[in-house]
C-alpha atoms as a PDB file:
ATOM      1  CA  MET A   1      65.872  77.321 131.814  1.00  0.00           C
ATOM      2  CA  ARG A   2      66.088  76.764 128.060  1.00  0.00           C
ATOM      3  CA  ARG A   3      67.025  79.842 126.058  1.00  0.00           C
ATOM      4  CA  LYS A   4      64.469  81.129 123.552  1.00  0.00           C
ATOM      5  CA  ILE A   5      65.391  81.339 119.851  1.00  0.00           C
ATOM      6  CA  ILE A   6      63.898  83.446 117.079  1.00  0.00           C
ATOM      7  CA  ALA A   7      65.325  82.184 113.768  1.00  0.00           C
ATOM      8  CA  GLY A   8      64.599  83.726 110.377  1.00  0.00           C
ATOM      9  CA  ASN A   9      64.710  81.458 107.323  1.00  0.00           C
ATOM     10  CA  TRP A  10      64.892  83.766 104.302  1.00  0.00           C
ATOM     11  CA  LYS A  11      64.675  80.831 101.872  1.00  0.00           C
ATOM     12  CA  MET A  12      65.239  81.701  98.181  1.00  0.00           C
ATOM     13  CA  ASN A  13      63.851  85.181  98.750  1.00  0.00           C
ATOM     14  CA  LEU A  14      65.150  88.738  98.984  1.00  0.00           C
ATOM     15  CA  LYS A  15      67.525  90.573  96.703  1.00  0.00           C
ATOM     16  CA  LEU A  16      70.980  91.306  98.104  1.00  0.00           C
ATOM     17  CA  SER A  17      70.044  94.913  98.850  1.00  0.00           C
ATOM     18  CA  GLU A  18      67.007  93.733 100.852  1.00  0.00           C
ATOM     19  CA  ALA A  19      68.996  91.129 102.798  1.00  0.00           C
ATOM     20  CA  LYS A  20      71.633  93.737 103.650  1.00  0.00           C
ATOM     21  CA  GLN A  21      68.954  96.195 104.766  1.00  0.00           C
ATOM     22  CA  ILE A  22      67.504  93.679 107.220  1.00  0.00           C
ATOM     23  CA  ALA A  23      70.989  92.755 108.455  1.00  0.00           C
ATOM     24  CA  LEU A  24      71.802  96.426 109.038  1.00  0.00           C
ATOM     25  CA  GLY A  25      68.576  96.767 111.022  1.00  0.00           C
ATOM     26  CA  LEU A  26      69.562  93.814 113.198  1.00  0.00           C
ATOM     27  CA  ARG A  27      73.229  94.738 113.655  1.00  0.00           C
ATOM     28  CA  ASN A  28      72.750  96.786 116.821  1.00  0.00           C
ATOM     29  CA  LEU A  29      69.942  94.618 118.159  1.00  0.00           C
ATOM     30  CA  SER A  30      69.700  94.537 121.925  1.00  0.00           C
ATOM     31  CA  THR A  31      67.959  91.426 123.246  1.00  0.00           C
ATOM     32  CA  PRO A  32      67.352  89.988 126.713  1.00  0.00           C
ATOM     33  CA  ASN A  33      70.014  87.527 127.814  1.00  0.00           C
ATOM     34  CA  HIS A  34      67.656  84.547 127.457  1.00  0.00           C
ATOM     35  CA  ILE A  35      66.928  85.135 123.732  1.00  0.00           C
ATOM     36  CA  ASP A  36      69.077  84.122 120.739  1.00  0.00           C
ATOM     37  CA  VAL A  37      68.463  85.399 117.207  1.00  0.00           C
ATOM     38  CA  MET A  38      69.460  83.553 114.028  1.00  0.00           C
ATOM     39  CA  VAL A  39      69.114  84.294 110.307  1.00  0.00           C
ATOM     40  CA  PHE A  40      69.497  81.896 107.375  1.00  0.00           C
ATOM     41  CA  PRO A  41      70.078  83.925 104.173  1.00  0.00           C
ATOM     42  CA  SER A  42      70.375  82.556 100.644  1.00  0.00           C
ATOM     43  CA  ALA A  43      73.820  81.123  99.891  1.00  0.00           C
ATOM     44  CA  SER A  44      74.753  84.024  97.612  1.00  0.00           C
ATOM     45  CA  HIS A  45      74.019  86.491 100.437  1.00  0.00           C
ATOM     46  CA  LEU A  46      75.880  84.703 103.226  1.00  0.00           C
ATOM     47  CA  LEU A  47      79.146  86.618 102.941  1.00  0.00           C
ATOM     48  CA  SER A  48      77.544  90.071 102.848  1.00  0.00           C
ATOM     49  CA  VAL A  49      75.110  89.346 105.676  1.00  0.00           C
ATOM     50  CA  SER A  50      77.781  87.719 107.857  1.00  0.00           C
ATOM     51  CA  GLU A  51      80.103  90.706 107.364  1.00  0.00           C
ATOM     52  CA  ILE A  52      77.357  93.108 108.448  1.00  0.00           C
ATOM     53  CA  LEU A  53      76.404  91.014 111.493  1.00  0.00           C
ATOM     54  CA  GLU A  54      79.945  90.160 112.596  1.00  0.00           C
ATOM     55  CA  GLY A  55      80.301  90.960 116.280  1.00  0.00           C
ATOM     56  CA  SER A  56      76.532  91.369 116.751  1.00  0.00           C
ATOM     57  CA  LYS A  57      74.153  89.233 118.792  1.00  0.00           C
ATOM     58  CA  VAL A  58      72.722  87.640 115.625  1.00  0.00           C
ATOM     59  CA  LYS A  59      74.013  84.283 114.412  1.00  0.00           C
ATOM     60  CA  VAL A  60      74.155  83.713 110.665  1.00  0.00           C
ATOM     61  CA  GLY A  61      73.501  80.210 109.324  1.00  0.00           C
ATOM     62  CA  ALA A  62      73.451  78.413 105.969  1.00  0.00           C
ATOM     63  CA  GLN A  63      70.254  76.859 104.630  1.00  0.00           C
ATOM     64  CA  ASN A  64      72.167  73.847 103.327  1.00  0.00           C
ATOM     65  CA  ALA A  65      75.625  72.323 103.034  1.00  0.00           C
ATOM     66  CA  TYR A  66      77.167  69.084 101.789  1.00  0.00           C
ATOM     67  CA  PRO A  67      78.554  66.733 104.467  1.00  0.00           C
ATOM     68  CA  SER A  68      82.163  66.715 103.323  1.00  0.00           C
ATOM     69  CA  SER A  69      85.333  68.711 103.269  1.00  0.00           C
ATOM     70  CA  LEU A  70      86.370  70.203  99.914  1.00  0.00           C
ATOM     71  CA  THR A  71      85.583  67.762  97.105  1.00  0.00           C
ATOM     72  CA  ALA A  72      84.212  67.478  93.563  1.00  0.00           C
ATOM     73  CA  MET A  73      80.511  68.106  94.166  1.00  0.00           C
ATOM     74  CA  THR A  74      79.194  70.639  91.687  1.00  0.00           C
ATOM     75  CA  GLY A  75      76.618  73.080  93.017  1.00  0.00           C
ATOM     76  CA  GLU A  76      77.153  72.230  96.687  1.00  0.00           C
ATOM     77  CA  ILE A  77      78.810  74.132  99.551  1.00  0.00           C
ATOM     78  CA  SER A  78      81.328  72.614 101.952  1.00  0.00           C
ATOM     79  CA  PRO A  79      81.433  73.445 105.668  1.00  0.00           C
ATOM     80  CA  ASP A  80      85.088  74.348 105.005  1.00  0.00           C
ATOM     81  CA  GLN A  81      83.921  77.178 102.750  1.00  0.00           C
ATOM     82  CA  LEU A  82      81.265  78.263 105.249  1.00  0.00           C
ATOM     83  CA  GLU A  83      83.720  78.342 108.122  1.00  0.00           C
ATOM     84  CA  GLU A  84      86.008  80.622 106.077  1.00  0.00           C
ATOM     85  CA  ILE A  85      83.347  83.312 106.294  1.00  0.00           C
ATOM     86  CA  GLY A  86      82.451  82.602 109.915  1.00  0.00           C
ATOM     87  CA  ILE A  87      79.388  80.387 109.365  1.00  0.00           C
ATOM     88  CA  GLN A  88      79.070  77.615 111.957  1.00  0.00           C
ATOM     89  CA  LEU A  89      75.316  77.056 111.862  1.00  0.00           C
ATOM     90  CA  ILE A  90      73.406  74.984 109.287  1.00  0.00           C
ATOM     91  CA  LEU A  91      69.754  74.142 108.667  1.00  0.00           C
ATOM     92  CA  VAL A  92      69.052  70.452 107.925  1.00  0.00           C
ATOM     93  CA  GLY A  93      65.902  68.709 106.712  1.00  0.00           C
ATOM     94  CA  HIS A  94      63.634  71.663 105.986  1.00  0.00           C
ATOM     95  CA  SER A  95      60.358  70.377 104.558  1.00  0.00           C
ATOM     96  CA  GLU A  96      60.971  72.038 101.196  1.00  0.00           C
ATOM     97  CA  ARG A  97      64.249  70.154 100.836  1.00  0.00           C
ATOM     98  CA  ARG A  98      62.560  66.925 101.922  1.00  0.00           C
ATOM     99  CA  GLN A  99      59.580  67.386  99.594  1.00  0.00           C
ATOM    100  CA  PHE A 100      61.225  68.787  96.467  1.00  0.00           C
ATOM    101  CA  LEU A 101      64.893  67.807  96.702  1.00  0.00           C
ATOM    102  CA  GLY A 102      64.714  64.295  98.118  1.00  0.00           C
ATOM    103  CA  GLU A 103      66.356  64.968 101.466  1.00  0.00           C
ATOM    104  CA  SER A 104      65.469  61.776 103.338  1.00  0.00           C
ATOM    105  CA  ASN A 105      65.862  61.001 107.026  1.00  0.00           C
ATOM    106  CA  GLU A 106      68.984  59.028 106.129  1.00  0.00           C
ATOM    107  CA  ILE A 107      70.538  61.966 104.272  1.00  0.00           C
ATOM    108  CA  CYS A 108      69.636  64.239 107.175  1.00  0.00           C
ATOM    109  CA  ASN A 109      71.326  61.813 109.547  1.00  0.00           C
ATOM    110  CA  GLN A 110      74.505  61.826 107.462  1.00  0.00           C
ATOM    111  CA  LYS A 111      74.552  65.616 107.440  1.00  0.00           C
ATOM    112  CA  ILE A 112      73.768  65.998 111.128  1.00  0.00           C
ATOM    113  CA  LYS A 113      76.487  63.600 112.250  1.00  0.00           C
ATOM    114  CA  TYR A 114      79.093  65.173 109.987  1.00  0.00           C
ATOM    115  CA  PHE A 115      78.285  68.777 110.886  1.00  0.00           C
ATOM    116  CA  LEU A 116      78.114  68.069 114.625  1.00  0.00           C
ATOM    117  CA  SER A 117      81.424  66.192 114.453  1.00  0.00           C
ATOM    118  CA  ARG A 118      82.895  69.416 113.070  1.00  0.00           C
ATOM    119  CA  GLY A 119      81.489  71.440 115.978  1.00  0.00           C
ATOM    120  CA  ILE A 120      78.915  73.112 113.722  1.00  0.00           C
ATOM    121  CA  GLN A 121      75.520  73.883 115.234  1.00  0.00           C
ATOM    122  CA  VAL A 122      72.546  72.247 113.485  1.00  0.00           C
ATOM    123  CA  VAL A 123      68.866  73.162 113.376  1.00  0.00           C
ATOM    124  CA  TYR A 124      67.107  69.916 112.390  1.00  0.00           C
ATOM    125  CA  CYS A 125      63.599  70.272 110.932  1.00  0.00           C
ATOM    126  CA  VAL A 126      60.841  67.684 111.369  1.00  0.00           C
ATOM    127  CA  GLY A 127      57.112  67.722 110.695  1.00  0.00           C
ATOM    128  CA  GLU A 128      54.157  66.040 109.027  1.00  0.00           C
ATOM    129  CA  THR A 129      52.156  66.836 105.890  1.00  0.00           C
ATOM    130  CA  LEU A 130      48.430  67.598 105.951  1.00  0.00           C
ATOM    131  CA  ALA A 131      47.645  64.115 104.598  1.00  0.00           C
ATOM    132  CA  GLU A 132      49.725  62.527 107.346  1.00  0.00           C
ATOM    133  CA  ARG A 133      47.999  64.595 110.049  1.00  0.00           C
ATOM    134  CA  GLU A 134      44.524  63.836 108.694  1.00  0.00           C
ATOM    135  CA  SER A 135      45.318  60.107 108.637  1.00  0.00           C
ATOM    136  CA  ASN A 136      46.549  60.235 112.269  1.00  0.00           C
ATOM    137  CA  GLN A 137      50.184  59.596 111.318  1.00  0.00           C
ATOM    138  CA  THR A 138      51.661  62.717 112.947  1.00  0.00           C
ATOM    139  CA  PHE A 139      53.332  60.881 115.816  1.00  0.00           C
ATOM    140  CA  SER A 140      54.634  58.000 113.708  1.00  0.00           C
ATOM    141  CA  VAL A 141      56.140  60.447 111.195  1.00  0.00           C
ATOM    142  CA  LEU A 142      57.802  62.483 113.953  1.00  0.00           C
ATOM    143  CA  SER A 143      59.089  59.328 115.625  1.00  0.00           C
ATOM    144  CA  GLU A 144      60.703  58.130 112.396  1.00  0.00           C
ATOM    145  CA  GLN A 145      62.246  61.528 111.669  1.00  0.00           C
ATOM    146  CA  ILE A 146      63.722  61.726 115.171  1.00  0.00           C
ATOM    147  CA  LYS A 147      64.926  58.128 115.432  1.00  0.00           C
ATOM    148  CA  LYS A 148      66.378  57.915 111.915  1.00  0.00           C
ATOM    149  CA  GLY A 149      67.583  61.499 111.681  1.00  0.00           C
ATOM    150  CA  LEU A 150      69.394  61.390 115.021  1.00  0.00           C
ATOM    151  CA  PHE A 151      70.537  57.763 114.899  1.00  0.00           C
ATOM    152  CA  GLY A 152      74.079  57.379 116.177  1.00  0.00           C
ATOM    153  CA  VAL A 153      74.553  60.989 117.238  1.00  0.00           C
ATOM    154  CA  PRO A 154      76.906  60.940 120.276  1.00  0.00           C
ATOM    155  CA  SER A 155      75.343  62.245 123.465  1.00  0.00           C
ATOM    156  CA  ASP A 156      78.004  64.930 123.913  1.00  0.00           C
ATOM    157  CA  GLN A 157      77.098  66.498 120.544  1.00  0.00           C
ATOM    158  CA  PHE A 158      73.432  67.155 121.302  1.00  0.00           C
ATOM    159  CA  LYS A 159      74.470  70.455 122.913  1.00  0.00           C
ATOM    160  CA  HIS A 160      75.039  71.764 119.351  1.00  0.00           C
ATOM    161  CA  LEU A 161      71.607  70.613 118.125  1.00  0.00           C
ATOM    162  CA  VAL A 162      68.289  72.447 117.927  1.00  0.00           C
ATOM    163  CA  ILE A 163      65.054  70.828 116.697  1.00  0.00           C
ATOM    164  CA  ALA A 164      62.423  72.707 114.682  1.00  0.00           C
ATOM    165  CA  TYR A 165      58.907  71.282 114.439  1.00  0.00           C
ATOM    166  CA  GLU A 166      57.313  72.592 111.253  1.00  0.00           C
ATOM    167  CA  PRO A 167      53.992  71.041 110.233  1.00  0.00           C
ATOM    168  CA  VAL A 168      54.202  71.151 106.436  1.00  0.00           C
ATOM    169  CA  TRP A 169      50.528  72.131 106.151  1.00  0.00           C
ATOM    170  CA  ALA A 170      51.245  75.357 108.053  1.00  0.00           C
ATOM    171  CA  ILE A 171      54.282  76.580 106.094  1.00  0.00           C
ATOM    172  CA  GLY A 172      53.512  79.601 103.949  1.00  0.00           C
ATOM    173  CA  THR A 173      49.794  78.787 103.990  1.00  0.00           C
ATOM    174  CA  GLY A 174      48.654  81.222 106.649  1.00  0.00           C
ATOM    175  CA  LYS A 175      47.437  78.238 108.667  1.00  0.00           C
ATOM    176  CA  VAL A 176      48.991  77.882 112.094  1.00  0.00           C
ATOM    177  CA  ALA A 177      48.929  74.915 114.405  1.00  0.00           C
ATOM    178  CA  SER A 178      47.056  75.967 117.516  1.00  0.00           C
ATOM    179  CA  PRO A 179      49.283  76.434 120.571  1.00  0.00           C
ATOM    180  CA  GLU A 180      47.770  73.202 121.889  1.00  0.00           C
ATOM    181  CA  GLN A 181      48.534  71.257 118.692  1.00  0.00           C
ATOM    182  CA  ALA A 182      52.074  72.621 118.600  1.00  0.00           C
ATOM    183  CA  GLU A 183      52.643  71.878 122.279  1.00  0.00           C
ATOM    184  CA  GLU A 184      51.417  68.309 121.847  1.00  0.00           C
ATOM    185  CA  ALA A 185      53.889  67.736 118.999  1.00  0.00           C
ATOM    186  CA  HIS A 186      56.767  69.394 120.854  1.00  0.00           C
ATOM    187  CA  ALA A 187      56.125  67.300 123.966  1.00  0.00           C
ATOM    188  CA  TYR A 188      56.087  64.160 121.816  1.00  0.00           C
ATOM    189  CA  ILE A 189      59.385  65.101 120.133  1.00  0.00           C
ATOM    190  CA  ARG A 190      60.953  65.646 123.548  1.00  0.00           C
ATOM    191  CA  LYS A 191      59.690  62.219 124.655  1.00  0.00           C
ATOM    192  CA  GLU A 192      61.123  60.564 121.547  1.00  0.00           C
ATOM    193  CA  ILE A 193      64.529  62.159 122.128  1.00  0.00           C
ATOM    194  CA  SER A 194      64.491  60.895 125.707  1.00  0.00           C
ATOM    195  CA  SER A 195      64.078  57.331 124.394  1.00  0.00           C
ATOM    196  CA  LEU A 196      67.055  57.413 122.015  1.00  0.00           C
ATOM    197  CA  PHE A 197      69.566  56.023 124.514  1.00  0.00           C
ATOM    198  CA  VAL A 198      70.193  55.553 128.204  1.00  0.00           C
ATOM    199  CA  GLY A 199      70.607  58.933 129.854  1.00  0.00           C
ATOM    200  CA  ALA A 200      68.870  60.857 127.058  1.00  0.00           C
ATOM    201  CA  GLN A 201      66.173  62.139 129.432  1.00  0.00           C
ATOM    202  CA  THR A 202      68.426  64.980 130.591  1.00  0.00           C
ATOM    203  CA  ILE A 203      69.294  65.857 126.991  1.00  0.00           C
ATOM    204  CA  ALA A 204      65.596  65.846 126.030  1.00  0.00           C
ATOM    205  CA  GLU A 205      64.775  68.267 128.811  1.00  0.00           C
ATOM    206  CA  SER A 206      67.542  70.672 127.821  1.00  0.00           C
ATOM    207  CA  ILE A 207      67.250  70.627 124.008  1.00  0.00           C
ATOM    208  CA  GLN A 208      65.546  73.613 122.374  1.00  0.00           C
ATOM    209  CA  ILE A 209      62.565  72.844 120.136  1.00  0.00           C
ATOM    210  CA  LEU A 210      61.252  75.582 117.847  1.00  0.00           C
ATOM    211  CA  TYR A 211      57.902  75.891 116.099  1.00  0.00           C
ATOM    212  CA  GLY A 212      57.781  76.789 112.405  1.00  0.00           C
ATOM    213  CA  GLY A 213      54.742  77.473 110.269  1.00  0.00           C
ATOM    214  CA  SER A 214      53.182  80.892 109.587  1.00  0.00           C
ATOM    215  CA  VAL A 215      54.655  82.386 112.769  1.00  0.00           C
ATOM    216  CA  LYS A 216      53.874  86.095 113.097  1.00  0.00           C
ATOM    217  CA  PRO A 217      54.212  88.801 115.758  1.00  0.00           C
ATOM    218  CA  ASP A 218      50.537  88.384 116.685  1.00  0.00           C
ATOM    219  CA  ASN A 219      50.762  84.635 117.446  1.00  0.00           C
ATOM    220  CA  ILE A 220      54.318  84.127 118.707  1.00  0.00           C
ATOM    221  CA  ALA A 221      53.490  84.964 122.345  1.00  0.00           C
ATOM    222  CA  SER A 222      50.722  82.357 122.589  1.00  0.00           C
ATOM    223  CA  LEU A 223      53.036  79.721 121.141  1.00  0.00           C
ATOM    224  CA  LEU A 224      55.924  80.598 123.436  1.00  0.00           C
ATOM    225  CA  SER A 225      53.634  80.440 126.458  1.00  0.00           C
ATOM    226  CA  LYS A 226      53.618  76.651 126.131  1.00  0.00           C
ATOM    227  CA  PRO A 227      56.214  74.810 128.243  1.00  0.00           C
ATOM    228  CA  ASN A 228      57.801  72.765 125.441  1.00  0.00           C
ATOM    229  CA  ILE A 229      57.998  75.492 122.757  1.00  0.00           C
ATOM    230  CA  ASP A 230      61.322  77.323 122.884  1.00  0.00           C
ATOM    231  CA  GLY A 231      61.079  79.680 119.928  1.00  0.00           C
ATOM    232  CA  GLY A 232      60.210  80.015 116.277  1.00  0.00           C
ATOM    233  CA  LEU A 233      61.706  79.139 112.901  1.00  0.00           C
ATOM    234  CA  VAL A 234      60.115  81.908 110.890  1.00  0.00           C
ATOM    235  CA  GLY A 235      59.749  82.315 107.129  1.00  0.00           C
ATOM    236  CA  GLY A 236      57.801  85.241 105.678  1.00  0.00           C
ATOM    237  CA  ALA A 237      57.622  87.329 108.851  1.00  0.00           C
ATOM    238  CA  SER A 238      61.423  87.310 109.124  1.00  0.00           C
ATOM    239  CA  GLN A 239      61.846  88.739 105.634  1.00  0.00           C
ATOM    240  CA  LYS A 240      60.672  92.225 106.619  1.00  0.00           C
ATOM    241  CA  LEU A 241      62.567  94.105 109.300  1.00  0.00           C
ATOM    242  CA  ASP A 242      59.537  95.479 111.128  1.00  0.00           C
ATOM    243  CA  SER A 243      57.825  92.116 111.531  1.00  0.00           C
ATOM    244  CA  PHE A 244      61.095  90.376 112.446  1.00  0.00           C
ATOM    245  CA  LEU A 245      61.751  92.939 115.168  1.00  0.00           C
ATOM    246  CA  GLY A 246      58.140  92.502 116.274  1.00  0.00           C
ATOM    247  CA  LEU A 247      58.735  88.777 116.730  1.00  0.00           C
ATOM    248  CA  ILE A 248      61.855  89.393 118.791  1.00  0.00           C
ATOM    249  CA  LYS A 249      60.148  91.967 120.985  1.00  0.00           C
END
């Protein structure tokens, strides 16, 4: 049985006091054994949030990092620096980074391979735009993102990888892929992973695939009822304690 994951992506939102308030509300969280909770605060909040959640059931991850040890790369963060404060979880390929910051499948692949080689867990985001869905390119886009983004990843490192399907047209828009649409995409992603190399079928069946895109407490249950949906990568609803707790419950 694949474990469920509720992951909160706080993006470039929240003041430090607000991030700390949510972290304090999650610190003593009691969850069923089959559920994992993650939060991805802004870089400037990582230390404070990780200190509050140290020893709790909530994993703290970075929204971005540069695939290198310490080096001259102004404005970036090294996994070495993240590991110093206990961060061993990184988001890769979120649609906003793809769309506005030029994070291509090839760059995602470089990051994924480097982070996984360091034993760092990765949540890899994939998904199509509205124009791509309306022109029936959803599956070809997902196939390219999976095959190029995961090219050359050793089979023994997939255990540190989570996939998040986030249709770009549903992020922050209030629009949500129907459970059937989401399930269809998740099943396709699982099929594509199974075709990456000989023996990948077992990996495809065990890998967790999350749905992201206007996830809220009132629609999470219908999404999680589908066999290939293993959790949610949540934006706005994770940025208020009450709604985040509602998702987890």
